[in-house]
């Protein structure tokens, strides 16, 4: 994980996992509102498939050369933040 991503862990509602056990992963998927795909090289397609099976959205920032067919793309970080805020308000 790069420094910018690790900086987000200062927020109480952000959890970053470099690796995770299957039971903890399942609990994380069950309790999450969305999956944020910030991968630059390779994502874990099996984890994404498990997440998509819940019907919850996968979110990503639009950028050159990046593809993830099931993801909802946002043109800017501000647009992504606004959408995440609407998810938080649905609680």
PDB file of N, CA and C in Angstrom:
ATOM      1  N   UNK A   1       0.848  -1.180   0.000  1.00  0.00           N
ATOM      2  CA  UNK A   1       0.000   0.000   0.000  1.00  0.00           C
ATOM      3  C   UNK A   1       0.887   1.234   0.000  1.00  0.00           C
ATOM      4  N   UNK A   2       0.479   2.217  -0.775  1.00  0.00           N
ATOM      5  CA  UNK A   2       1.283   3.433  -0.815  1.00  0.00           C
ATOM      6  C   UNK A   2       0.939   4.352   0.359  1.00  0.00           C
ATOM      7  N   UNK A   3       1.767   5.367   0.535  1.00  0.00           N
ATOM      8  CA  UNK A   3       1.615   6.286   1.655  1.00  0.00           C
ATOM      9  C   UNK A   3       0.260   6.982   1.671  1.00  0.00           C
ATOM     10  N   UNK A   4      -0.194   7.428   0.500  1.00  0.00           N
ATOM     11  CA  UNK A   4      -1.476   8.137   0.434  1.00  0.00           C
ATOM     12  C   UNK A   4      -2.625   7.261   0.928  1.00  0.00           C
ATOM     13  N   UNK A   5      -2.606   6.002   0.559  1.00  0.00           N
ATOM     14  CA  UNK A   5      -3.646   5.085   1.007  1.00  0.00           C
ATOM     15  C   UNK A   5      -3.522   4.832   2.505  1.00  0.00           C
ATOM     16  N   UNK A   6      -2.325   4.630   2.986  1.00  0.00           N
ATOM     17  CA  UNK A   6      -2.116   4.392   4.417  1.00  0.00           C
ATOM     18  C   UNK A   6      -2.543   5.584   5.261  1.00  0.00           C
ATOM     19  N   UNK A   7      -2.437   6.786   4.713  1.00  0.00           N
ATOM     20  CA  UNK A   7      -2.879   7.993   5.432  1.00  0.00           C
ATOM     21  C   UNK A   7      -4.358   7.938   5.775  1.00  0.00           C
ATOM     22  N   UNK A   8      -5.138   7.285   4.931  1.00  0.00           N
ATOM     23  CA  UNK A   8      -6.575   7.180   5.176  1.00  0.00           C
ATOM     24  C   UNK A   8      -6.897   6.408   6.447  1.00  0.00           C
ATOM     25  N   UNK A   9      -5.988   5.570   6.897  1.00  0.00           N
ATOM     26  CA  UNK A   9      -6.249   4.770   8.098  1.00  0.00           C
ATOM     27  C   UNK A   9      -6.363   5.636   9.347  1.00  0.00           C
ATOM     28  N   UNK A  10      -6.041   6.914   9.244  1.00  0.00           N
ATOM     29  CA  UNK A  10      -6.216   7.829  10.373  1.00  0.00           C
ATOM     30  C   UNK A  10      -7.700   8.051  10.676  1.00  0.00           C
ATOM     31  N   UNK A  11      -8.575   7.773   9.704  1.00  0.00           N
ATOM     32  CA  UNK A  11     -10.012   7.945   9.893  1.00  0.00           C
ATOM     33  C   UNK A  11     -10.609   6.694  10.535  1.00  0.00           C
ATOM     34  N   UNK A  12     -11.480   6.883  11.486  1.00  0.00           N
ATOM     35  CA  UNK A  12     -12.056   5.753  12.225  1.00  0.00           C
ATOM     36  C   UNK A  12     -12.920   4.840  11.360  1.00  0.00           C
ATOM     37  N   UNK A  13     -13.422   5.332  10.243  1.00  0.00           N
ATOM     38  CA  UNK A  13     -14.294   4.524   9.397  1.00  0.00           C
ATOM     39  C   UNK A  13     -13.555   3.878   8.224  1.00  0.00           C
ATOM     40  N   UNK A  14     -12.232   3.913   8.249  1.00  0.00           N
ATOM     41  CA  UNK A  14     -11.428   3.321   7.179  1.00  0.00           C
ATOM     42  C   UNK A  14     -10.645   2.145   7.735  1.00  0.00           C
ATOM     43  N   UNK A  15     -10.779   1.010   7.075  1.00  0.00           N
ATOM     44  CA  UNK A  15     -10.018  -0.181   7.438  1.00  0.00           C
ATOM     45  C   UNK A  15      -9.244  -0.649   6.215  1.00  0.00           C
ATOM     46  N   UNK A  16      -7.940  -0.786   6.365  1.00  0.00           N
ATOM     47  CA  UNK A  16      -7.092  -1.253   5.277  1.00  0.00           C
ATOM     48  C   UNK A  16      -6.536  -2.620   5.641  1.00  0.00           C
ATOM     49  N   UNK A  17      -6.558  -3.531   4.693  1.00  0.00           N
ATOM     50  CA  UNK A  17      -6.080  -4.884   4.935  1.00  0.00           C
ATOM     51  C   UNK A  17      -5.120  -5.282   3.821  1.00  0.00           C
ATOM     52  N   UNK A  18      -3.842  -5.516   4.169  1.00  0.00           N
ATOM     53  CA  UNK A  18      -2.887  -5.974   3.173  1.00  0.00           C
ATOM     54  C   UNK A  18      -3.102  -7.454   2.873  1.00  0.00           C
ATOM     55  N   UNK A  19      -3.505  -8.185   3.869  1.00  0.00           N
ATOM     56  CA  UNK A  19      -3.884  -9.585   3.696  1.00  0.00           C
ATOM     57  C   UNK A  19      -4.926  -9.905   4.761  1.00  0.00           C
ATOM     58  N   UNK A  20      -5.711 -10.961   4.501  1.00  0.00           N
ATOM     59  CA  UNK A  20      -6.816 -11.237   5.410  1.00  0.00           C
ATOM     60  C   UNK A  20      -7.185 -12.716   5.349  1.00  0.00           C
ATOM     61  N   UNK A  21      -7.610 -13.263   6.472  1.00  0.00           N
ATOM     62  CA  UNK A  21      -8.026 -14.659   6.536  1.00  0.00           C
ATOM     63  C   UNK A  21      -9.455 -14.803   6.007  1.00  0.00           C
ATOM     64  N   UNK A  22      -9.812 -15.973   5.459  1.00  0.00           N
ATOM     65  CA  UNK A  22     -11.142 -16.162   4.847  1.00  0.00           C
ATOM     66  C   UNK A  22     -12.320 -15.821   5.760  1.00  0.00           C
ATOM     67  N   UNK A  23     -12.270 -16.201   7.016  1.00  0.00           N
ATOM     68  CA  UNK A  23     -13.394 -15.918   7.920  1.00  0.00           C
ATOM     69  C   UNK A  23     -13.529 -14.411   8.131  1.00  0.00           C
ATOM     70  N   UNK A  24     -12.419 -13.744   8.333  1.00  0.00           N
ATOM     71  CA  UNK A  24     -12.451 -12.288   8.509  1.00  0.00           C
ATOM     72  C   UNK A  24     -12.896 -11.602   7.221  1.00  0.00           C
ATOM     73  N   UNK A  25     -12.477 -12.128   6.076  1.00  0.00           N
ATOM     74  CA  UNK A  25     -12.890 -11.568   4.792  1.00  0.00           C
ATOM     75  C   UNK A  25     -14.400 -11.670   4.629  1.00  0.00           C
ATOM     76  N   UNK A  26     -14.971 -12.805   4.953  1.00  0.00           N
ATOM     77  CA  UNK A  26     -16.416 -12.976   4.831  1.00  0.00           C
ATOM     78  C   UNK A  26     -17.165 -11.999   5.729  1.00  0.00           C
ATOM     79  N   UNK A  27     -16.683 -11.805   6.948  1.00  0.00           N
ATOM     80  CA  UNK A  27     -17.316 -10.850   7.873  1.00  0.00           C
ATOM     81  C   UNK A  27     -17.193  -9.425   7.320  1.00  0.00           C
ATOM     82  N   UNK A  28     -16.036  -9.098   6.755  1.00  0.00           N
ATOM     83  CA  UNK A  28     -15.833  -7.779   6.173  1.00  0.00           C
ATOM     84  C   UNK A  28     -16.780  -7.543   5.000  1.00  0.00           C
ATOM     85  N   UNK A  29     -16.944  -8.539   4.143  1.00  0.00           N
ATOM     86  CA  UNK A  29     -17.865  -8.425   3.012  1.00  0.00           C
ATOM     87  C   UNK A  29     -19.293  -8.233   3.493  1.00  0.00           C
ATOM     88  N   UNK A  30     -19.680  -8.989   4.509  1.00  0.00           N
ATOM     89  CA  UNK A  30     -21.049  -8.908   5.030  1.00  0.00           C
ATOM     90  C   UNK A  30     -21.356  -7.545   5.653  1.00  0.00           C
ATOM     91  N   UNK A  31     -20.373  -6.917   6.268  1.00  0.00           N
ATOM     92  CA  UNK A  31     -20.627  -5.662   6.990  1.00  0.00           C
ATOM     93  C   UNK A  31     -20.307  -4.414   6.168  1.00  0.00           C
ATOM     94  N   UNK A  32     -19.754  -4.573   4.978  1.00  0.00           N
ATOM     95  CA  UNK A  32     -19.389  -3.432   4.141  1.00  0.00           C
ATOM     96  C   UNK A  32     -20.583  -2.916   3.343  1.00  0.00           C
ATOM     97  N   UNK A  33     -20.549  -1.641   3.008  1.00  0.00           N
ATOM     98  CA  UNK A  33     -21.573  -1.030   2.158  1.00  0.00           C
ATOM     99  C   UNK A  33     -21.180  -1.071   0.694  1.00  0.00           C
ATOM    100  N   UNK A  34     -19.847  -1.018   0.443  1.00  0.00           N
ATOM    101  CA  UNK A  34     -19.321  -1.004  -0.919  1.00  0.00           C
ATOM    102  C   UNK A  34     -17.870  -1.461  -0.875  1.00  0.00           C
ATOM    103  N   UNK A  35     -17.368  -1.848  -2.033  1.00  0.00           N
ATOM    104  CA  UNK A  35     -15.958  -2.206  -2.172  1.00  0.00           C
ATOM    105  C   UNK A  35     -15.292  -1.118  -3.000  1.00  0.00           C
ATOM    106  N   UNK A  36     -14.204  -0.566  -2.493  1.00  0.00           N
ATOM    107  CA  UNK A  36     -13.466   0.466  -3.205  1.00  0.00           C
ATOM    108  C   UNK A  36     -12.276  -0.186  -3.890  1.00  0.00           C
ATOM    109  N   UNK A  37     -12.279  -0.190  -5.213  1.00  0.00           N
ATOM    110  CA  UNK A  37     -11.209  -0.807  -5.985  1.00  0.00           C
ATOM    111  C   UNK A  37     -10.220   0.261  -6.423  1.00  0.00           C
ATOM    112  N   UNK A  38      -9.100   0.336  -5.716  1.00  0.00           N
ATOM    113  CA  UNK A  38      -8.052   1.293  -6.046  1.00  0.00           C
ATOM    114  C   UNK A  38      -6.819   0.588  -6.600  1.00  0.00           C
ATOM    115  N   UNK A  39      -6.981  -0.637  -7.056  1.00  0.00           N
ATOM    116  CA  UNK A  39      -5.843  -1.399  -7.548  1.00  0.00           C
ATOM    117  C   UNK A  39      -5.213  -0.729  -8.754  1.00  0.00           C
ATOM    118  N   UNK A  40      -3.918  -0.833  -8.826  1.00  0.00           N
ATOM    119  CA  UNK A  40      -3.179  -0.292  -9.958  1.00  0.00           C
ATOM    120  C   UNK A  40      -2.746  -1.395 -10.912  1.00  0.00           C
ATOM    121  N   UNK A  41      -2.492  -2.569 -10.391  1.00  0.00           N
ATOM    122  CA  UNK A  41      -1.954  -3.640 -11.223  1.00  0.00           C
ATOM    123  C   UNK A  41      -2.919  -4.818 -11.308  1.00  0.00           C
ATOM    124  N   UNK A  42      -3.194  -5.439 -10.176  1.00  0.00           N
ATOM    125  CA  UNK A  42      -3.998  -6.659 -10.191  1.00  0.00           C
ATOM    126  C   UNK A  42      -4.915  -6.691  -8.975  1.00  0.00           C
ATOM    127  N   UNK A  43      -6.173  -6.984  -9.203  1.00  0.00           N
ATOM    128  CA  UNK A  43      -7.108  -7.125  -8.086  1.00  0.00           C
ATOM    129  C   UNK A  43      -7.370  -8.611  -7.881  1.00  0.00           C
ATOM    130  N   UNK A  44      -7.893  -8.950  -6.748  1.00  0.00           N
ATOM    131  CA  UNK A  44      -8.246 -10.340  -6.459  1.00  0.00           C
ATOM    132  C   UNK A  44      -9.660 -10.559  -6.990  1.00  0.00           C
ATOM    133  N   UNK A  45      -9.759 -11.192  -8.163  1.00  0.00           N
ATOM    134  CA  UNK A  45     -11.063 -11.386  -8.802  1.00  0.00           C
ATOM    135  C   UNK A  45     -11.990 -12.272  -7.984  1.00  0.00           C
ATOM    136  N   UNK A  46     -11.427 -13.206  -7.221  1.00  0.00           N
ATOM    137  CA  UNK A  46     -12.263 -14.078  -6.383  1.00  0.00           C
ATOM    138  C   UNK A  46     -12.929 -13.273  -5.261  1.00  0.00           C
ATOM    139  N   UNK A  47     -12.167 -12.386  -4.646  1.00  0.00           N
ATOM    140  CA  UNK A  47     -12.733 -11.537  -3.588  1.00  0.00           C
ATOM    141  C   UNK A  47     -13.812 -10.638  -4.181  1.00  0.00           C
ATOM    142  N   UNK A  48     -13.515 -10.054  -5.347  1.00  0.00           N
ATOM    143  CA  UNK A  48     -14.511  -9.195  -5.983  1.00  0.00           C
ATOM    144  C   UNK A  48     -15.768  -9.987  -6.328  1.00  0.00           C
ATOM    145  N   UNK A  49     -15.634 -11.204  -6.813  1.00  0.00           N
ATOM    146  CA  UNK A  49     -16.800 -12.030  -7.149  1.00  0.00           C
ATOM    147  C   UNK A  49     -17.635 -12.304  -5.905  1.00  0.00           C
ATOM    148  N   UNK A  50     -16.986 -12.602  -4.787  1.00  0.00           N
ATOM    149  CA  UNK A  50     -17.710 -12.815  -3.531  1.00  0.00           C
ATOM    150  C   UNK A  50     -18.468 -11.552  -3.150  1.00  0.00           C
ATOM    151  N   UNK A  51     -17.822 -10.403  -3.305  1.00  0.00           N
ATOM    152  CA  UNK A  51     -18.461  -9.145  -2.937  1.00  0.00           C
ATOM    153  C   UNK A  51     -19.634  -8.851  -3.858  1.00  0.00           C
ATOM    154  N   UNK A  52     -19.447  -9.039  -5.162  1.00  0.00           N
ATOM    155  CA  UNK A  52     -20.523  -8.768  -6.121  1.00  0.00           C
ATOM    156  C   UNK A  52     -21.736  -9.664  -5.885  1.00  0.00           C
ATOM    157  N   UNK A  53     -21.521 -10.865  -5.359  1.00  0.00           N
ATOM    158  CA  UNK A  53     -22.627 -11.786  -5.079  1.00  0.00           C
ATOM    159  C   UNK A  53     -23.584 -11.212  -4.030  1.00  0.00           C
ATOM    160  N   UNK A  54     -23.121 -10.251  -3.243  1.00  0.00           N
ATOM    161  CA  UNK A  54     -23.988  -9.637  -2.230  1.00  0.00           C
ATOM    162  C   UNK A  54     -24.905  -8.577  -2.830  1.00  0.00           C
ATOM    163  N   UNK A  55     -24.608  -8.149  -4.069  1.00  0.00           N
ATOM    164  CA  UNK A  55     -25.385  -7.089  -4.694  1.00  0.00           C
ATOM    165  C   UNK A  55     -24.912  -5.694  -4.337  1.00  0.00           C
ATOM    166  N   UNK A  56     -23.848  -5.599  -3.547  1.00  0.00           N
ATOM    167  CA  UNK A  56     -23.303  -4.300  -3.160  1.00  0.00           C
ATOM    168  C   UNK A  56     -22.383  -3.791  -4.270  1.00  0.00           C
ATOM    169  N   UNK A  57     -22.238  -2.474  -4.377  1.00  0.00           N
ATOM    170  CA  UNK A  57     -21.445  -1.930  -5.490  1.00  0.00           C
ATOM    171  C   UNK A  57     -19.937  -1.999  -5.275  1.00  0.00           C
ATOM    172  N   UNK A  58     -19.221  -2.099  -6.389  1.00  0.00           N
ATOM    173  CA  UNK A  58     -17.774  -1.936  -6.422  1.00  0.00           C
ATOM    174  C   UNK A  58     -17.532  -0.557  -7.017  1.00  0.00           C
ATOM    175  N   UNK A  59     -16.745   0.268  -6.337  1.00  0.00           N
ATOM    176  CA  UNK A  59     -16.521   1.650  -6.741  1.00  0.00           C
ATOM    177  C   UNK A  59     -15.077   1.835  -7.185  1.00  0.00           C
ATOM    178  N   UNK A  60     -14.865   2.674  -8.187  1.00  0.00           N
ATOM    179  CA  UNK A  60     -13.509   2.939  -8.685  1.00  0.00           C
ATOM    180  C   UNK A  60     -13.433   4.329  -9.277  1.00  0.00           C
ATOM    181  N   UNK A  61     -12.213   4.855  -9.324  1.00  0.00           N
ATOM    182  CA  UNK A  61     -11.970   6.126  -9.994  1.00  0.00           C
ATOM    183  C   UNK A  61     -11.624   5.857 -11.446  1.00  0.00           C
ATOM    184  N   UNK A  62     -12.193   6.629 -12.350  1.00  0.00           N
ATOM    185  CA  UNK A  62     -11.875   6.491 -13.772  1.00  0.00           C
ATOM    186  C   UNK A  62     -10.454   6.987 -13.995  1.00  0.00           C
ATOM    187  N   UNK A  63      -9.646   6.192 -14.687  1.00  0.00           N
ATOM    188  CA  UNK A  63      -8.286   6.595 -15.022  1.00  0.00           C
ATOM    189  C   UNK A  63      -7.829   5.856 -16.265  1.00  0.00           C
ATOM    190  N   UNK A  64      -6.878   6.430 -16.959  1.00  0.00           N
ATOM    191  CA  UNK A  64      -6.404   5.878 -18.226  1.00  0.00           C
ATOM    192  C   UNK A  64      -5.923   4.436 -18.071  1.00  0.00           C
ATOM    193  N   UNK A  65      -6.380   3.568 -18.955  1.00  0.00           N
ATOM    194  CA  UNK A  65      -5.921   2.196 -18.999  1.00  0.00           C
ATOM    195  C   UNK A  65      -6.487   1.269 -17.955  1.00  0.00           C
ATOM    196  N   UNK A  66      -7.307   1.784 -17.051  1.00  0.00           N
ATOM    197  CA  UNK A  66      -7.849   0.944 -15.981  1.00  0.00           C
ATOM    198  C   UNK A  66      -9.223   0.425 -16.382  1.00  0.00           C
ATOM    199  N   UNK A  67      -9.435  -0.862 -16.195  1.00  0.00           N
ATOM    200  CA  UNK A  67     -10.720  -1.466 -16.505  1.00  0.00           C
ATOM    201  C   UNK A  67     -11.155  -2.394 -15.377  1.00  0.00           C
ATOM    202  N   UNK A  68     -12.430  -2.370 -15.106  1.00  0.00           N
ATOM    203  CA  UNK A  68     -13.053  -3.285 -14.161  1.00  0.00           C
ATOM    204  C   UNK A  68     -14.542  -3.239 -14.487  1.00  0.00           C
ATOM    205  N   UNK A  69     -14.963  -4.119 -15.362  1.00  0.00           N
ATOM    206  CA  UNK A  69     -16.304  -4.055 -15.940  1.00  0.00           C
ATOM    207  C   UNK A  69     -17.438  -3.884 -14.932  1.00  0.00           C
ATOM    208  N   UNK A  70     -17.455  -4.623 -13.812  1.00  0.00           N
ATOM    209  CA  UNK A  70     -18.600  -4.443 -12.906  1.00  0.00           C
ATOM    210  C   UNK A  70     -18.540  -3.199 -12.028  1.00  0.00           C
ATOM    211  N   UNK A  71     -17.453  -2.464 -12.054  1.00  0.00           N
ATOM    212  CA  UNK A  71     -17.319  -1.312 -11.160  1.00  0.00           C
ATOM    213  C   UNK A  71     -18.132  -0.117 -11.641  1.00  0.00           C
ATOM    214  N   UNK A  72     -18.571   0.682 -10.675  1.00  0.00           N
ATOM    215  CA  UNK A  72     -19.163   1.978 -10.954  1.00  0.00           C
ATOM    216  C   UNK A  72     -18.014   2.975 -10.939  1.00  0.00           C
ATOM    217  N   UNK A  73     -17.805   3.694 -12.038  1.00  0.00           N
ATOM    218  CA  UNK A  73     -16.686   4.613 -12.134  1.00  0.00           C
ATOM    219  C   UNK A  73     -17.102   6.043 -11.818  1.00  0.00           C
ATOM    220  N   UNK A  74     -16.182   6.768 -11.191  1.00  0.00           N
ATOM    221  CA  UNK A  74     -16.390   8.171 -10.849  1.00  0.00           C
ATOM    222  C   UNK A  74     -15.268   8.979 -11.479  1.00  0.00           C
ATOM    223  N   UNK A  75     -15.610  10.118 -12.048  1.00  0.00           N
ATOM    224  CA  UNK A  75     -14.648  10.931 -12.785  1.00  0.00           C
ATOM    225  C   UNK A  75     -13.634  11.633 -11.883  1.00  0.00           C
ATOM    226  N   UNK A  76     -13.995  11.844 -10.620  1.00  0.00           N
ATOM    227  CA  UNK A  76     -13.095  12.563  -9.716  1.00  0.00           C
ATOM    228  C   UNK A  76     -13.225  12.005  -8.303  1.00  0.00           C
ATOM    229  N   UNK A  77     -12.190  12.208  -7.489  1.00  0.00           N
ATOM    230  CA  UNK A  77     -12.305  11.799  -6.083  1.00  0.00           C
ATOM    231  C   UNK A  77     -13.496  12.468  -5.386  1.00  0.00           C
ATOM    232  N   UNK A  78     -13.784  13.727  -5.726  1.00  0.00           N
ATOM    233  CA  UNK A  78     -14.906  14.430  -5.098  1.00  0.00           C
ATOM    234  C   UNK A  78     -16.232  13.749  -5.413  1.00  0.00           C
ATOM    235  N   UNK A  79     -16.402  13.284  -6.640  1.00  0.00           N
ATOM    236  CA  UNK A  79     -17.632  12.584  -7.010  1.00  0.00           C
ATOM    237  C   UNK A  79     -17.740  11.259  -6.265  1.00  0.00           C
ATOM    238  N   UNK A  80     -16.633  10.575  -6.105  1.00  0.00           N
ATOM    239  CA  UNK A  80     -16.622   9.315  -5.359  1.00  0.00           C
ATOM    240  C   UNK A  80     -16.963   9.558  -3.891  1.00  0.00           C
ATOM    241  N   UNK A  81     -16.371  10.582  -3.317  1.00  0.00           N
ATOM    242  CA  UNK A  81     -16.645  10.933  -1.913  1.00  0.00           C
ATOM    243  C   UNK A  81     -18.125  11.259  -1.728  1.00  0.00           C
ATOM    244  N   UNK A  82     -18.694  12.013  -2.645  1.00  0.00           N
ATOM    245  CA  UNK A  82     -20.113  12.372  -2.545  1.00  0.00           C
ATOM    246  C   UNK A  82     -20.991  11.120  -2.563  1.00  0.00           C
ATOM    247  N   UNK A  83     -20.653  10.160  -3.415  1.00  0.00           N
ATOM    248  CA  UNK A  83     -21.431   8.922  -3.475  1.00  0.00           C
ATOM    249  C   UNK A  83     -21.283   8.117  -2.184  1.00  0.00           C
ATOM    250  N   UNK A  84     -20.060   8.030  -1.673  1.00  0.00           N
ATOM    251  CA  UNK A  84     -19.829   7.297  -0.422  1.00  0.00           C
ATOM    252  C   UNK A  84     -20.609   7.946   0.718  1.00  0.00           C
ATOM    253  N   UNK A  85     -20.689   9.247   0.715  1.00  0.00           N
ATOM    254  CA  UNK A  85     -21.482   9.932   1.749  1.00  0.00           C
ATOM    255  C   UNK A  85     -22.953   9.560   1.667  1.00  0.00           C
ATOM    256  N   UNK A  86     -23.482   9.402   0.446  1.00  0.00           N
ATOM    257  CA  UNK A  86     -24.883   8.996   0.322  1.00  0.00           C
ATOM    258  C   UNK A  86     -25.079   7.580   0.859  1.00  0.00           C
ATOM    259  N   UNK A  87     -24.087   6.718   0.655  1.00  0.00           N
ATOM    260  CA  UNK A  87     -24.176   5.356   1.217  1.00  0.00           C
ATOM    261  C   UNK A  87     -24.187   5.404   2.737  1.00  0.00           C
ATOM    262  N   UNK A  88     -23.356   6.254   3.307  1.00  0.00           N
ATOM    263  CA  UNK A  88     -23.282   6.385   4.771  1.00  0.00           C
ATOM    264  C   UNK A  88     -24.582   6.923   5.347  1.00  0.00           C
ATOM    265  N   UNK A  89     -25.246   7.809   4.609  1.00  0.00           N
ATOM    266  CA  UNK A  89     -26.496   8.391   5.079  1.00  0.00           C
ATOM    267  C   UNK A  89     -27.648   7.397   5.052  1.00  0.00           C
ATOM    268  N   UNK A  90     -27.524   6.331   4.270  1.00  0.00           N
ATOM    269  CA  UNK A  90     -28.583   5.338   4.165  1.00  0.00           C
ATOM    270  C   UNK A  90     -28.704   4.469   5.401  1.00  0.00           C
ATOM    271  N   UNK A  91     -27.750   4.544   6.305  1.00  0.00           N
ATOM    272  CA  UNK A  91     -27.780   3.702   7.520  1.00  0.00           C
ATOM    273  C   UNK A  91     -28.963   3.935   8.348  1.00  0.00           C
TER     274      UNK A  91
END
